[in-house]
Amino acid sequence: MTQNWKWWSPAVLGMWVWGGIAPLSALADVPQVRRRDYIVMDRRLLKYLNPLERLNCGYCEYTNGVLAYVQEIAGRTEQYWCPIKHAIGLKTRHSRYSHFLDFGDAEQYRQRIEQVRRDFEDLRK
């Protein structure tokens, strides 16, 4: 049973985020993330792939697209709700992390929290 789960879990995650989490971001005036910018399914067009290779590529491109989509939604949501960098460096950072306030800088946090929460101008162009 657990072996079958791995094949359709990206679809469940994608639907859950698209239908449940993304609409909540709109309530905080966080710009919406367009799925089509992250989930790109074009490898099936490659004529040199056999059917099994197309299936494998489709699974990988969908899964990685969903994960990138979820990461972008999470990053924008985090920028609104808790835009503070971590004390320990992260191996991978989402696209909004550079907008965050430094860890432990209470003065900057109080002075700039509202500005940082609304700093999505680069996405609205």
C-alpha atoms as a PDB file:
ATOM      1  CA  MET A   1       0.000   0.000   0.000  1.00  0.00           C
ATOM      2  CA  THR A   2       2.742   2.501   0.901  1.00  0.00           C
ATOM      3  CA  GLN A   3       4.441   1.866  -2.441  1.00  0.00           C
ATOM      4  CA  ASN A   4       1.336   3.068  -4.309  1.00  0.00           C
ATOM      5  CA  TRP A   5       1.115   6.254  -2.230  1.00  0.00           C
ATOM      6  CA  LYS A   6       4.301   7.742  -3.678  1.00  0.00           C
ATOM      7  CA  TRP A   7       2.799   7.838  -7.175  1.00  0.00           C
ATOM      8  CA  TRP A   8      -0.209   9.986  -6.418  1.00  0.00           C
ATOM      9  CA  SER A   9       0.963  11.947  -3.366  1.00  0.00           C
ATOM     10  CA  PRO A  10       2.260  14.905  -5.483  1.00  0.00           C
ATOM     11  CA  ALA A  11      -1.211  15.270  -6.990  1.00  0.00           C
ATOM     12  CA  VAL A  12      -2.824  15.317  -3.534  1.00  0.00           C
ATOM     13  CA  LEU A  13      -0.286  17.892  -2.315  1.00  0.00           C
ATOM     14  CA  GLY A  14      -0.853  20.053  -5.403  1.00  0.00           C
ATOM     15  CA  MET A  15      -4.635  19.983  -5.033  1.00  0.00           C
ATOM     16  CA  TRP A  16      -4.477  20.629  -1.295  1.00  0.00           C
ATOM     17  CA  VAL A  17      -2.252  23.676  -1.726  1.00  0.00           C
ATOM     18  CA  TRP A  18      -4.163  24.975  -4.767  1.00  0.00           C
ATOM     19  CA  GLY A  19      -7.561  24.574  -3.120  1.00  0.00           C
ATOM     20  CA  GLY A  20      -6.762  25.128   0.534  1.00  0.00           C
ATOM     21  CA  ILE A  21      -3.657  27.193   1.142  1.00  0.00           C
ATOM     22  CA  ALA A  22      -3.423  29.495  -1.873  1.00  0.00           C
ATOM     23  CA  PRO A  23      -6.861  31.104  -1.325  1.00  0.00           C
ATOM     24  CA  LEU A  24      -5.890  32.020   2.242  1.00  0.00           C
ATOM     25  CA  SER A  25      -2.957  34.022   0.911  1.00  0.00           C
ATOM     26  CA  ALA A  26      -5.390  36.187  -1.026  1.00  0.00           C
ATOM     27  CA  LEU A  27      -7.014  37.255   2.245  1.00  0.00           C
ATOM     28  CA  ALA A  28      -3.682  38.769   3.327  1.00  0.00           C
ATOM     29  CA  ASP A  29      -3.198  40.450  -0.071  1.00  0.00           C
ATOM     30  CA  VAL A  30      -0.325  38.142  -0.948  1.00  0.00           C
ATOM     31  CA  PRO A  31       0.032  37.835  -4.742  1.00  0.00           C
ATOM     32  CA  GLN A  32      -1.296  34.551  -6.086  1.00  0.00           C
ATOM     33  CA  VAL A  33       1.098  32.007  -7.565  1.00  0.00           C
ATOM     34  CA  ARG A  34       0.222  30.800 -11.043  1.00  0.00           C
ATOM     35  CA  ARG A  35       0.471  27.008 -11.242  1.00  0.00           C
ATOM     36  CA  ARG A  36       1.367  27.116 -14.934  1.00  0.00           C
ATOM     37  CA  ASP A  37       4.549  29.026 -14.117  1.00  0.00           C
ATOM     38  CA  TYR A  38       5.805  26.104 -12.006  1.00  0.00           C
ATOM     39  CA  ILE A  39       4.131  22.954 -13.323  1.00  0.00           C
ATOM     40  CA  VAL A  40       5.274  22.527 -16.907  1.00  0.00           C
ATOM     41  CA  MET A  41       4.410  19.283 -18.669  1.00  0.00           C
ATOM     42  CA  ASP A  42       6.209  19.406 -22.010  1.00  0.00           C
ATOM     43  CA  ARG A  43       8.547  16.421 -22.084  1.00  0.00           C
ATOM     44  CA  ARG A  44       5.795  14.182 -23.468  1.00  0.00           C
ATOM     45  CA  LEU A  45       6.346  16.034 -26.754  1.00  0.00           C
ATOM     46  CA  LEU A  46       9.827  14.580 -27.135  1.00  0.00           C
ATOM     47  CA  LYS A  47       9.492  11.982 -29.891  1.00  0.00           C
ATOM     48  CA  TYR A  48      12.700  10.192 -28.971  1.00  0.00           C
ATOM     49  CA  LEU A  49      11.322   9.011 -25.607  1.00  0.00           C
ATOM     50  CA  ASN A  50       9.617   5.631 -25.426  1.00  0.00           C
ATOM     51  CA  PRO A  51       6.295   5.350 -23.518  1.00  0.00           C
ATOM     52  CA  LEU A  52       7.921   4.314 -20.244  1.00  0.00           C
ATOM     53  CA  GLU A  53      10.425   7.172 -20.433  1.00  0.00           C
ATOM     54  CA  ARG A  54       7.573   9.612 -21.135  1.00  0.00           C
ATOM     55  CA  LEU A  55       5.710   8.304 -18.106  1.00  0.00           C
ATOM     56  CA  ASN A  56       8.795   8.656 -15.908  1.00  0.00           C
ATOM     57  CA  CYS A  57       9.500  12.164 -17.205  1.00  0.00           C
ATOM     58  CA  GLY A  58       5.874  13.149 -16.670  1.00  0.00           C
ATOM     59  CA  TYR A  59       5.970  12.005 -13.071  1.00  0.00           C
ATOM     60  CA  CYS A  60       9.251  13.830 -12.396  1.00  0.00           C
ATOM     61  CA  GLU A  61       8.298  17.097 -14.087  1.00  0.00           C
ATOM     62  CA  TYR A  62       4.926  17.144 -12.320  1.00  0.00           C
ATOM     63  CA  THR A  63       6.408  16.285  -8.914  1.00  0.00           C
ATOM     64  CA  ASN A  64       9.196  18.861  -9.167  1.00  0.00           C
ATOM     65  CA  GLY A  65       6.735  21.446 -10.501  1.00  0.00           C
ATOM     66  CA  VAL A  66       4.355  20.857  -7.589  1.00  0.00           C
ATOM     67  CA  LEU A  67       7.212  21.156  -5.097  1.00  0.00           C
ATOM     68  CA  ALA A  68       8.409  24.424  -6.681  1.00  0.00           C
ATOM     69  CA  TYR A  69       4.803  25.712  -6.694  1.00  0.00           C
ATOM     70  CA  VAL A  70       4.342  24.810  -3.029  1.00  0.00           C
ATOM     71  CA  GLN A  71       7.687  26.380  -2.110  1.00  0.00           C
ATOM     72  CA  GLU A  72       6.722  29.656  -3.813  1.00  0.00           C
ATOM     73  CA  ILE A  73       3.341  29.781  -2.062  1.00  0.00           C
ATOM     74  CA  ALA A  74       5.005  28.974   1.258  1.00  0.00           C
ATOM     75  CA  GLY A  75       7.658  31.653   0.696  1.00  0.00           C
ATOM     76  CA  ARG A  76       5.112  34.347  -0.083  1.00  0.00           C
ATOM     77  CA  THR A  77       2.981  33.287   2.874  1.00  0.00           C
ATOM     78  CA  GLU A  78       6.018  33.272   5.158  1.00  0.00           C
ATOM     79  CA  GLN A  79       6.948  36.750   3.956  1.00  0.00           C
ATOM     80  CA  TYR A  80       3.587  38.004   5.155  1.00  0.00           C
ATOM     81  CA  TRP A  81       3.297  36.098   8.434  1.00  0.00           C
ATOM     82  CA  CYS A  82       6.881  35.693   9.661  1.00  0.00           C
ATOM     83  CA  PRO A  83       9.523  37.367   7.470  1.00  0.00           C
ATOM     84  CA  ILE A  84      12.529  36.639   9.681  1.00  0.00           C
ATOM     85  CA  LYS A  85      15.664  34.923   8.410  1.00  0.00           C
ATOM     86  CA  HIS A  86      16.852  31.855  10.286  1.00  0.00           C
ATOM     87  CA  ALA A  87      19.808  32.051  12.658  1.00  0.00           C
ATOM     88  CA  ILE A  88      21.383  29.072  10.921  1.00  0.00           C
ATOM     89  CA  GLY A  89      21.975  29.217   7.169  1.00  0.00           C
ATOM     90  CA  LEU A  90      19.609  27.257   4.970  1.00  0.00           C
ATOM     91  CA  LYS A  91      20.801  24.966   2.207  1.00  0.00           C
ATOM     92  CA  THR A  92      17.981  26.074  -0.082  1.00  0.00           C
ATOM     93  CA  ARG A  93      16.140  29.389   0.074  1.00  0.00           C
ATOM     94  CA  HIS A  94      12.879  30.307  -1.591  1.00  0.00           C
ATOM     95  CA  SER A  95      12.561  33.349  -3.832  1.00  0.00           C
ATOM     96  CA  ARG A  96      11.234  35.644  -1.083  1.00  0.00           C
ATOM     97  CA  TYR A  97      13.911  34.949   1.532  1.00  0.00           C
ATOM     98  CA  SER A  98      16.097  37.893   0.530  1.00  0.00           C
ATOM     99  CA  HIS A  99      13.273  40.242   1.579  1.00  0.00           C
ATOM    100  CA  PHE A 100      13.250  38.906   5.138  1.00  0.00           C
ATOM    101  CA  LEU A 101      14.523  40.692   8.236  1.00  0.00           C
ATOM    102  CA  ASP A 102      17.636  39.548  10.053  1.00  0.00           C
ATOM    103  CA  PHE A 103      17.287  37.096  12.895  1.00  0.00           C
ATOM    104  CA  GLY A 104      17.473  38.744  16.322  1.00  0.00           C
ATOM    105  CA  ASP A 105      17.106  42.344  15.095  1.00  0.00           C
ATOM    106  CA  ALA A 106      14.081  43.384  17.150  1.00  0.00           C
ATOM    107  CA  GLU A 107      14.398  47.071  16.306  1.00  0.00           C
ATOM    108  CA  GLN A 108      14.337  46.480  12.541  1.00  0.00           C
ATOM    109  CA  TYR A 109      11.506  43.994  12.983  1.00  0.00           C
ATOM    110  CA  ARG A 110       9.286  46.539  14.742  1.00  0.00           C
ATOM    111  CA  GLN A 111      10.228  49.333  12.340  1.00  0.00           C
ATOM    112  CA  ARG A 112       9.875  47.407   9.081  1.00  0.00           C
ATOM    113  CA  ILE A 113       7.481  44.490   9.612  1.00  0.00           C
ATOM    114  CA  GLU A 114       4.538  46.127   7.835  1.00  0.00           C
ATOM    115  CA  GLN A 115       6.738  47.286   4.950  1.00  0.00           C
ATOM    116  CA  VAL A 116       8.221  43.804   4.465  1.00  0.00           C
ATOM    117  CA  ARG A 117       4.779  42.168   4.656  1.00  0.00           C
ATOM    118  CA  ARG A 118       3.612  44.274   1.742  1.00  0.00           C
ATOM    119  CA  ASP A 119       6.831  44.245  -0.298  1.00  0.00           C
ATOM    120  CA  PHE A 120       5.595  42.289  -3.311  1.00  0.00           C
ATOM    121  CA  GLU A 121       6.081  45.036  -5.876  1.00  0.00           C
ATOM    122  CA  ASP A 122       8.612  42.965  -7.811  1.00  0.00           C
ATOM    123  CA  LEU A 123       5.866  40.371  -8.412  1.00  0.00           C
ATOM    124  CA  ARG A 124       3.229  42.856  -9.492  1.00  0.00           C
ATOM    125  CA  LYS A 125       5.193  44.258 -12.448  1.00  0.00           C
END
